[in-house]
Amino acid sequence: MAIKLPSLSSAKQILRRSTPIDVPKGYFAVYVGEGEKKRFVVPISLLNEPLFQELLSQAEEEFRYNHPMGGLTIPCREDIFIDLTSRLH
């Protein structure tokens, strides 16, 4: 049984950079990156994925409730985040 990975265009649809007021229903914003953080809007359905839950655990260990961007911050490189989340959806 093969695992089909979404195309890059699908990944771009899943992960959308947005303005602070541009978070549609069913999505939430996260900040990702080492150093400069970039904002992504991701579907809430990712919260059920074990790999995404691992990212949330890492965020909890590193930041607790003191997220430097004022929102949920994921402590990993942007390219790794995009690759991982594109495989989950």
PDB file of N, CA and C in Angstrom:
ATOM      1  N   MET A   1       0.847  -1.179   0.000  1.00  0.00           N
ATOM      2  CA  MET A   1       0.000   0.000   0.000  1.00  0.00           C
ATOM      3  C   MET A   1       0.887   1.233   0.000  1.00  0.00           C
ATOM      4  N   ALA A   2       0.764   2.058  -0.990  1.00  0.00           N
ATOM      5  CA  ALA A   2       1.584   3.263  -1.116  1.00  0.00           C
ATOM      6  C   ALA A   2       0.914   4.438  -0.438  1.00  0.00           C
ATOM      7  N   ILE A   3       1.740   5.318   0.079  1.00  0.00           N
ATOM      8  CA  ILE A   3       1.243   6.553   0.677  1.00  0.00           C
ATOM      9  C   ILE A   3       1.362   7.643  -0.362  1.00  0.00           C
ATOM     10  N   LYS A   4       0.271   8.284  -0.670  1.00  0.00           N
ATOM     11  CA  LYS A   4       0.271   9.358  -1.655  1.00  0.00           C
ATOM     12  C   LYS A   4       0.478  10.685  -0.939  1.00  0.00           C
ATOM     13  N   LEU A   5       1.531  11.381  -1.299  1.00  0.00           N
ATOM     14  CA  LEU A   5       1.803  12.688  -0.720  1.00  0.00           C
ATOM     15  C   LEU A   5       1.179  13.761  -1.592  1.00  0.00           C
ATOM     16  N   PRO A   6       0.649  14.803  -0.971  1.00  0.00           N
ATOM     17  CA  PRO A   6       0.043  15.855  -1.771  1.00  0.00           C
ATOM     18  C   PRO A   6       1.094  16.617  -2.565  1.00  0.00           C
ATOM     19  N   SER A   7       0.661  17.198  -3.657  1.00  0.00           N
ATOM     20  CA  SER A   7       1.574  17.989  -4.470  1.00  0.00           C
ATOM     21  C   SER A   7       1.910  19.286  -3.759  1.00  0.00           C
ATOM     22  N   LEU A   8       2.908  19.985  -4.270  1.00  0.00           N
ATOM     23  CA  LEU A   8       3.311  21.252  -3.680  1.00  0.00           C
ATOM     24  C   LEU A   8       2.176  22.256  -3.720  1.00  0.00           C
ATOM     25  N   SER A   9       1.383  22.258  -4.792  1.00  0.00           N
ATOM     26  CA  SER A   9       0.262  23.194  -4.855  1.00  0.00           C
ATOM     27  C   SER A   9      -0.768  22.868  -3.781  1.00  0.00           C
ATOM     28  N   SER A  10      -0.970  21.594  -3.468  1.00  0.00           N
ATOM     29  CA  SER A  10      -1.884  21.213  -2.390  1.00  0.00           C
ATOM     30  C   SER A  10      -1.350  21.700  -1.051  1.00  0.00           C
ATOM     31  N   ALA A  11      -0.046  21.546  -0.856  1.00  0.00           N
ATOM     32  CA  ALA A  11       0.562  22.009   0.389  1.00  0.00           C
ATOM     33  C   ALA A  11       0.374  23.505   0.550  1.00  0.00           C
ATOM     34  N   LYS A  12       0.503  24.241  -0.544  1.00  0.00           N
ATOM     35  CA  LYS A  12       0.320  25.690  -0.463  1.00  0.00           C
ATOM     36  C   LYS A  12      -1.124  26.047  -0.122  1.00  0.00           C
ATOM     37  N   GLN A  13      -2.070  25.230  -0.571  1.00  0.00           N
ATOM     38  CA  GLN A  13      -3.461  25.483  -0.224  1.00  0.00           C
ATOM     39  C   GLN A  13      -3.717  25.179   1.244  1.00  0.00           C
ATOM     40  N   ILE A  14      -3.055  24.165   1.774  1.00  0.00           N
ATOM     41  CA  ILE A  14      -3.229  23.786   3.168  1.00  0.00           C
ATOM     42  C   ILE A  14      -2.617  24.837   4.082  1.00  0.00           C
ATOM     43  N   LEU A  15      -1.409  25.243   3.766  1.00  0.00           N
ATOM     44  CA  LEU A  15      -0.683  26.207   4.583  1.00  0.00           C
ATOM     45  C   LEU A  15      -0.723  27.552   3.892  1.00  0.00           C
ATOM     46  N   ARG A  16      -1.466  28.449   4.445  1.00  0.00           N
ATOM     47  CA  ARG A  16      -1.602  29.752   3.823  1.00  0.00           C
ATOM     48  C   ARG A  16      -1.107  30.818   4.782  1.00  0.00           C
ATOM     49  N   ARG A  17      -0.188  31.604   4.331  1.00  0.00           N
ATOM     50  CA  ARG A  17       0.209  32.766   5.116  1.00  0.00           C
ATOM     51  C   ARG A  17      -0.933  33.758   5.037  1.00  0.00           C
ATOM     52  N   SER A  18      -1.172  34.452   6.114  1.00  0.00           N
ATOM     53  CA  SER A  18      -2.312  35.347   6.112  1.00  0.00           C
ATOM     54  C   SER A  18      -2.077  36.537   7.013  1.00  0.00           C
ATOM     55  N   THR A  19      -2.985  37.471   6.926  1.00  0.00           N
ATOM     56  CA  THR A  19      -2.963  38.610   7.833  1.00  0.00           C
ATOM     57  C   THR A  19      -3.670  38.202   9.116  1.00  0.00           C
ATOM     58  N   PRO A  20      -3.443  38.931  10.219  1.00  0.00           N
ATOM     59  CA  PRO A  20      -4.039  38.537  11.499  1.00  0.00           C
ATOM     60  C   PRO A  20      -5.563  38.396  11.469  1.00  0.00           C
ATOM     61  N   ILE A  21      -6.239  39.139  10.635  1.00  0.00           N
ATOM     62  CA  ILE A  21      -7.696  39.051  10.623  1.00  0.00           C
ATOM     63  C   ILE A  21      -8.204  38.020   9.628  1.00  0.00           C
ATOM     64  N   ASP A  22      -7.304  37.375   8.922  1.00  0.00           N
ATOM     65  CA  ASP A  22      -7.682  36.475   7.831  1.00  0.00           C
ATOM     66  C   ASP A  22      -7.562  35.005   8.236  1.00  0.00           C
ATOM     67  N   VAL A  23      -8.317  34.593   9.266  1.00  0.00           N
ATOM     68  CA  VAL A  23      -8.308  33.195   9.683  1.00  0.00           C
ATOM     69  C   VAL A  23      -9.730  32.669   9.518  1.00  0.00           C
ATOM     70  N   PRO A  24      -9.960  31.867   8.472  1.00  0.00           N
ATOM     71  CA  PRO A  24     -11.308  31.361   8.225  1.00  0.00           C
ATOM     72  C   PRO A  24     -11.740  30.339   9.266  1.00  0.00           C
ATOM     73  N   LYS A  25     -13.036  30.150   9.359  1.00  0.00           N
ATOM     74  CA  LYS A  25     -13.596  29.161  10.271  1.00  0.00           C
ATOM     75  C   LYS A  25     -13.010  27.786   9.934  1.00  0.00           C
ATOM     76  N   GLY A  26     -12.628  27.049  10.975  1.00  0.00           N
ATOM     77  CA  GLY A  26     -12.049  25.723  10.777  1.00  0.00           C
ATOM     78  C   GLY A  26     -10.537  25.727  10.661  1.00  0.00           C
ATOM     79  N   TYR A  27      -9.925  26.874  10.841  1.00  0.00           N
ATOM     80  CA  TYR A  27      -8.466  27.030  10.752  1.00  0.00           C
ATOM     81  C   TYR A  27      -7.961  27.762  11.983  1.00  0.00           C
ATOM     82  N   PHE A  28      -6.645  27.690  12.202  1.00  0.00           N
ATOM     83  CA  PHE A  28      -6.022  28.491  13.253  1.00  0.00           C
ATOM     84  C   PHE A  28      -4.632  28.913  12.790  1.00  0.00           C
ATOM     85  N   ALA A  29      -4.119  29.949  13.401  1.00  0.00           N
ATOM     86  CA  ALA A  29      -2.820  30.495  13.004  1.00  0.00           C
ATOM     87  C   ALA A  29      -1.725  29.975  13.927  1.00  0.00           C
ATOM     88  N   VAL A  30      -0.563  29.703  13.338  1.00  0.00           N
ATOM     89  CA  VAL A  30       0.631  29.341  14.095  1.00  0.00           C
ATOM     90  C   VAL A  30       1.804  30.142  13.540  1.00  0.00           C
ATOM     91  N   TYR A  31       2.793  30.353  14.390  1.00  0.00           N
ATOM     92  CA  TYR A  31       4.037  30.998  13.979  1.00  0.00           C
ATOM     93  C   TYR A  31       5.120  29.936  13.952  1.00  0.00           C
ATOM     94  N   VAL A  32       5.895  29.920  12.885  1.00  0.00           N
ATOM     95  CA  VAL A  32       6.876  28.860  12.671  1.00  0.00           C
ATOM     96  C   VAL A  32       8.209  29.468  12.267  1.00  0.00           C
ATOM     97  N   GLY A  33       9.285  28.872  12.756  1.00  0.00           N
ATOM     98  CA  GLY A  33      10.609  29.262  12.305  1.00  0.00           C
ATOM     99  C   GLY A  33      11.599  29.370  13.440  1.00  0.00           C
ATOM    100  N   GLU A  34      12.837  29.359  13.045  1.00  0.00           N
ATOM    101  CA  GLU A  34      13.941  29.599  13.975  1.00  0.00           C
ATOM    102  C   GLU A  34      14.421  31.010  13.672  1.00  0.00           C
ATOM    103  N   GLY A  35      14.493  31.846  14.667  1.00  0.00           N
ATOM    104  CA  GLY A  35      14.821  33.251  14.403  1.00  0.00           C
ATOM    105  C   GLY A  35      13.569  33.979  13.974  1.00  0.00           C
ATOM    106  N   GLU A  36      13.522  34.396  12.712  1.00  0.00           N
ATOM    107  CA  GLU A  36      12.338  35.080  12.202  1.00  0.00           C
ATOM    108  C   GLU A  36      11.184  34.091  12.075  1.00  0.00           C
ATOM    109  N   LYS A  37      10.057  34.436  12.661  1.00  0.00           N
ATOM    110  CA  LYS A  37       8.879  33.568  12.627  1.00  0.00           C
ATOM    111  C   LYS A  37       7.954  33.999  11.496  1.00  0.00           C
ATOM    112  N   LYS A  38       7.359  33.015  10.832  1.00  0.00           N
ATOM    113  CA  LYS A  38       6.377  33.287   9.788  1.00  0.00           C
ATOM    114  C   LYS A  38       5.047  32.713  10.238  1.00  0.00           C
ATOM    115  N   ARG A  39       3.989  33.389   9.857  1.00  0.00           N
ATOM    116  CA  ARG A  39       2.649  33.014  10.283  1.00  0.00           C
ATOM    117  C   ARG A  39       1.986  32.146   9.209  1.00  0.00           C
ATOM    118  N   PHE A  40       1.398  31.031   9.646  1.00  0.00           N
ATOM    119  CA  PHE A  40       0.667  30.132   8.763  1.00  0.00           C
ATOM    120  C   PHE A  40      -0.723  29.898   9.332  1.00  0.00           C
ATOM    121  N   VAL A  41      -1.662  29.670   8.448  1.00  0.00           N
ATOM    122  CA  VAL A  41      -3.011  29.293   8.846  1.00  0.00           C
ATOM    123  C   VAL A  41      -3.187  27.835   8.435  1.00  0.00           C
ATOM    124  N   VAL A  42      -3.510  26.989   9.407  1.00  0.00           N
ATOM    125  CA  VAL A  42      -3.611  25.551   9.159  1.00  0.00           C
ATOM    126  C   VAL A  42      -4.995  25.051   9.568  1.00  0.00           C
ATOM    127  N   PRO A  43      -5.456  23.974   8.953  1.00  0.00           N
ATOM    128  CA  PRO A  43      -6.772  23.442   9.321  1.00  0.00           C
ATOM    129  C   PRO A  43      -6.772  22.836  10.718  1.00  0.00           C
ATOM    130  N   ILE A  44      -7.861  23.015  11.422  1.00  0.00           N
ATOM    131  CA  ILE A  44      -8.002  22.466  12.770  1.00  0.00           C
ATOM    132  C   ILE A  44      -7.856  20.946  12.762  1.00  0.00           C
ATOM    133  N   SER A  45      -8.171  20.309  11.653  1.00  0.00           N
ATOM    134  CA  SER A  45      -8.075  18.846  11.563  1.00  0.00           C
ATOM    135  C   SER A  45      -6.667  18.336  11.870  1.00  0.00           C
ATOM    136  N   LEU A  46      -5.653  19.190  11.711  1.00  0.00           N
ATOM    137  CA  LEU A  46      -4.280  18.762  12.020  1.00  0.00           C
ATOM    138  C   LEU A  46      -4.090  18.480  13.506  1.00  0.00           C
ATOM    139  N   LEU A  47      -4.958  19.027  14.342  1.00  0.00           N
ATOM    140  CA  LEU A  47      -4.824  18.798  15.784  1.00  0.00           C
ATOM    141  C   LEU A  47      -5.004  17.326  16.151  1.00  0.00           C
ATOM    142  N   ASN A  48      -5.640  16.557  15.296  1.00  0.00           N
ATOM    143  CA  ASN A  48      -5.842  15.123  15.550  1.00  0.00           C
ATOM    144  C   ASN A  48      -4.672  14.264  15.093  1.00  0.00           C
ATOM    145  N   GLU A  49      -3.732  14.831  14.393  1.00  0.00           N
ATOM    146  CA  GLU A  49      -2.610  14.074  13.832  1.00  0.00           C
ATOM    147  C   GLU A  49      -1.477  13.912  14.852  1.00  0.00           C
ATOM    148  N   PRO A  50      -1.019  12.677  15.096  1.00  0.00           N
ATOM    149  CA  PRO A  50       0.048  12.444  16.074  1.00  0.00           C
ATOM    150  C   PRO A  50       1.329  13.248  15.807  1.00  0.00           C
ATOM    151  N   LEU A  51       1.734  13.385  14.540  1.00  0.00           N
ATOM    152  CA  LEU A  51       2.950  14.158  14.256  1.00  0.00           C
ATOM    153  C   LEU A  51       2.767  15.630  14.592  1.00  0.00           C
ATOM    154  N   PHE A  52       1.588  16.166  14.329  1.00  0.00           N
ATOM    155  CA  PHE A  52       1.334  17.560  14.680  1.00  0.00           C
ATOM    156  C   PHE A  52       1.247  17.717  16.201  1.00  0.00           C
ATOM    157  N   GLN A  53       0.691  16.730  16.873  1.00  0.00           N
ATOM    158  CA  GLN A  53       0.645  16.758  18.331  1.00  0.00           C
ATOM    159  C   GLN A  53       2.058  16.758  18.922  1.00  0.00           C
ATOM    160  N   GLU A  54       2.987  16.069  18.250  1.00  0.00           N
ATOM    161  CA  GLU A  54       4.387  16.086  18.694  1.00  0.00           C
ATOM    162  C   GLU A  54       4.962  17.500  18.576  1.00  0.00           C
ATOM    163  N   LEU A  55       4.641  18.194  17.495  1.00  0.00           N
ATOM    164  CA  LEU A  55       5.081  19.589  17.358  1.00  0.00           C
ATOM    165  C   LEU A  55       4.506  20.444  18.483  1.00  0.00           C
ATOM    166  N   LEU A  56       3.258  20.211  18.831  1.00  0.00           N
ATOM    167  CA  LEU A  56       2.637  20.968  19.921  1.00  0.00           C
ATOM    168  C   LEU A  56       3.315  20.664  21.257  1.00  0.00           C
ATOM    169  N   SER A  57       3.713  19.417  21.451  1.00  0.00           N
ATOM    170  CA  SER A  57       4.439  19.051  22.681  1.00  0.00           C
ATOM    171  C   SER A  57       5.781  19.765  22.747  1.00  0.00           C
ATOM    172  N   GLN A  58       6.468  19.849  21.605  1.00  0.00           N
ATOM    173  CA  GLN A  58       7.736  20.578  21.564  1.00  0.00           C
ATOM    174  C   GLN A  58       7.528  22.049  21.867  1.00  0.00           C
ATOM    175  N   ALA A  59       6.446  22.624  21.345  1.00  0.00           N
ATOM    176  CA  ALA A  59       6.130  24.026  21.615  1.00  0.00           C
ATOM    177  C   ALA A  59       5.859  24.227  23.103  1.00  0.00           C
ATOM    178  N   GLU A  60       5.143  23.291  23.711  1.00  0.00           N
ATOM    179  CA  GLU A  60       4.851  23.385  25.138  1.00  0.00           C
ATOM    180  C   GLU A  60       6.131  23.320  25.961  1.00  0.00           C
ATOM    181  N   GLU A  61       7.034  22.397  25.599  1.00  0.00           N
ATOM    182  CA  GLU A  61       8.291  22.276  26.330  1.00  0.00           C
ATOM    183  C   GLU A  61       9.134  23.534  26.219  1.00  0.00           C
ATOM    184  N   GLU A  62       9.175  24.120  25.029  1.00  0.00           N
ATOM    185  CA  GLU A  62      10.034  25.275  24.815  1.00  0.00           C
ATOM    186  C   GLU A  62       9.441  26.574  25.327  1.00  0.00           C
ATOM    187  N   PHE A  63       8.159  26.790  25.098  1.00  0.00           N
ATOM    188  CA  PHE A  63       7.569  28.094  25.389  1.00  0.00           C
ATOM    189  C   PHE A  63       6.595  28.111  26.560  1.00  0.00           C
ATOM    190  N   ARG A  64       6.109  26.962  26.992  1.00  0.00           N
ATOM    191  CA  ARG A  64       5.025  26.892  27.978  1.00  0.00           C
ATOM    192  C   ARG A  64       3.887  27.782  27.498  1.00  0.00           C
ATOM    193  N   TYR A  65       3.502  28.767  28.289  1.00  0.00           N
ATOM    194  CA  TYR A  65       2.430  29.676  27.877  1.00  0.00           C
ATOM    195  C   TYR A  65       2.968  31.048  27.507  1.00  0.00           C
ATOM    196  N   ASN A  66       4.264  31.158  27.310  1.00  0.00           N
ATOM    197  CA  ASN A  66       4.894  32.429  26.987  1.00  0.00           C
ATOM    198  C   ASN A  66       5.371  32.399  25.534  1.00  0.00           C
ATOM    199  N   HIS A  67       4.439  32.476  24.610  1.00  0.00           N
ATOM    200  CA  HIS A  67       4.786  32.447  23.191  1.00  0.00           C
ATOM    201  C   HIS A  67       5.217  33.833  22.756  1.00  0.00           C
ATOM    202  N   PRO A  68       6.414  33.975  22.195  1.00  0.00           N
ATOM    203  CA  PRO A  68       6.979  35.289  21.868  1.00  0.00           C
ATOM    204  C   PRO A  68       6.185  36.082  20.829  1.00  0.00           C
ATOM    205  N   MET A  69       5.421  35.425  19.983  1.00  0.00           N
ATOM    206  CA  MET A  69       4.687  36.130  18.933  1.00  0.00           C
ATOM    207  C   MET A  69       3.266  36.481  19.371  1.00  0.00           C
ATOM    208  N   GLY A  70       2.898  36.098  20.588  1.00  0.00           N
ATOM    209  CA  GLY A  70       1.557  36.380  21.060  1.00  0.00           C
ATOM    210  C   GLY A  70       0.545  35.334  20.634  1.00  0.00           C
ATOM    211  N   GLY A  71       0.979  34.335  19.898  1.00  0.00           N
ATOM    212  CA  GLY A  71       0.122  33.232  19.457  1.00  0.00           C
ATOM    213  C   GLY A  71       0.930  31.957  19.513  1.00  0.00           C
ATOM    214  N   LEU A  72       0.327  30.864  19.126  1.00  0.00           N
ATOM    215  CA  LEU A  72       0.995  29.568  19.158  1.00  0.00           C
ATOM    216  C   LEU A  72       2.236  29.583  18.276  1.00  0.00           C
ATOM    217  N   THR A  73       3.391  29.283  18.876  1.00  0.00           N
ATOM    218  CA  THR A  73       4.658  29.265  18.162  1.00  0.00           C
ATOM    219  C   THR A  73       5.186  27.841  18.110  1.00  0.00           C
ATOM    220  N   ILE A  74       5.512  27.372  16.907  1.00  0.00           N
ATOM    221  CA  ILE A  74       6.035  26.019  16.703  1.00  0.00           C
ATOM    222  C   ILE A  74       7.553  26.132  16.501  1.00  0.00           C
ATOM    223  N   PRO A  75       8.349  25.491  17.361  1.00  0.00           N
ATOM    224  CA  PRO A  75       9.809  25.622  17.282  1.00  0.00           C
ATOM    225  C   PRO A  75      10.450  24.648  16.293  1.00  0.00           C
ATOM    226  N   CYS A  76      10.312  24.930  15.007  1.00  0.00           N
ATOM    227  CA  CYS A  76      11.011  24.128  14.001  1.00  0.00           C
ATOM    228  C   CYS A  76      11.220  24.987  12.758  1.00  0.00           C
ATOM    229  N   ARG A  77      12.083  24.512  11.885  1.00  0.00           N
ATOM    230  CA  ARG A  77      12.345  25.260  10.653  1.00  0.00           C
ATOM    231  C   ARG A  77      11.099  25.277   9.785  1.00  0.00           C
ATOM    232  N   GLU A  78      10.936  26.348   9.050  1.00  0.00           N
ATOM    233  CA  GLU A  78       9.771  26.520   8.184  1.00  0.00           C
ATOM    234  C   GLU A  78       9.651  25.398   7.156  1.00  0.00           C
ATOM    235  N   ASP A  79      10.755  25.015   6.522  1.00  0.00           N
ATOM    236  CA  ASP A  79      10.696  23.981   5.493  1.00  0.00           C
ATOM    237  C   ASP A  79      10.277  22.626   6.065  1.00  0.00           C
ATOM    238  N   ILE A  80      10.724  22.320   7.275  1.00  0.00           N
ATOM    239  CA  ILE A  80      10.338  21.073   7.930  1.00  0.00           C
ATOM    240  C   ILE A  80       8.847  21.094   8.265  1.00  0.00           C
ATOM    241  N   PHE A  81       8.370  22.221   8.772  1.00  0.00           N
ATOM    242  CA  PHE A  81       6.948  22.364   9.099  1.00  0.00           C
ATOM    243  C   PHE A  81       6.082  22.174   7.859  1.00  0.00           C
ATOM    244  N   ILE A  82       6.447  22.809   6.776  1.00  0.00           N
ATOM    245  CA  ILE A  82       5.677  22.703   5.538  1.00  0.00           C
ATOM    246  C   ILE A  82       5.677  21.266   5.030  1.00  0.00           C
ATOM    247  N   ASP A  83       6.840  20.620   5.054  1.00  0.00           N
ATOM    248  CA  ASP A  83       6.932  19.233   4.607  1.00  0.00           C
ATOM    249  C   ASP A  83       6.059  18.322   5.471  1.00  0.00           C
ATOM    250  N   LEU A  84       6.177  18.455   6.782  1.00  0.00           N
ATOM    251  CA  LEU A  84       5.424  17.595   7.684  1.00  0.00           C
ATOM    252  C   LEU A  84       3.922  17.815   7.547  1.00  0.00           C
ATOM    253  N   THR A  85       3.477  19.042   7.559  1.00  0.00           N
ATOM    254  CA  THR A  85       2.038  19.296   7.505  1.00  0.00           C
ATOM    255  C   THR A  85       1.459  18.957   6.136  1.00  0.00           C
ATOM    256  N   SER A  86       2.251  19.070   5.083  1.00  0.00           N
ATOM    257  CA  SER A  86       1.731  18.704   3.762  1.00  0.00           C
ATOM    258  C   SER A  86       1.505  17.203   3.661  1.00  0.00           C
ATOM    259  N   ARG A  87       2.223  16.421   4.436  1.00  0.00           N
ATOM    260  CA  ARG A  87       2.033  14.968   4.451  1.00  0.00           C
ATOM    261  C   ARG A  87       0.816  14.555   5.272  1.00  0.00           C
ATOM    262  N   LEU A  88       0.392  15.404   6.182  1.00  0.00           N
ATOM    263  CA  LEU A  88      -0.683  15.049   7.100  1.00  0.00           C
ATOM    264  C   LEU A  88      -2.063  15.292   6.536  1.00  0.00           C
ATOM    265  N   HIS A  89      -2.204  16.179   5.634  1.00  0.00           N
ATOM    266  CA  HIS A  89      -3.542  16.554   5.176  1.00  0.00           C
ATOM    267  C   HIS A  89      -3.925  15.850   3.905  1.00  0.00           C
TER     268      HIS A  89
END
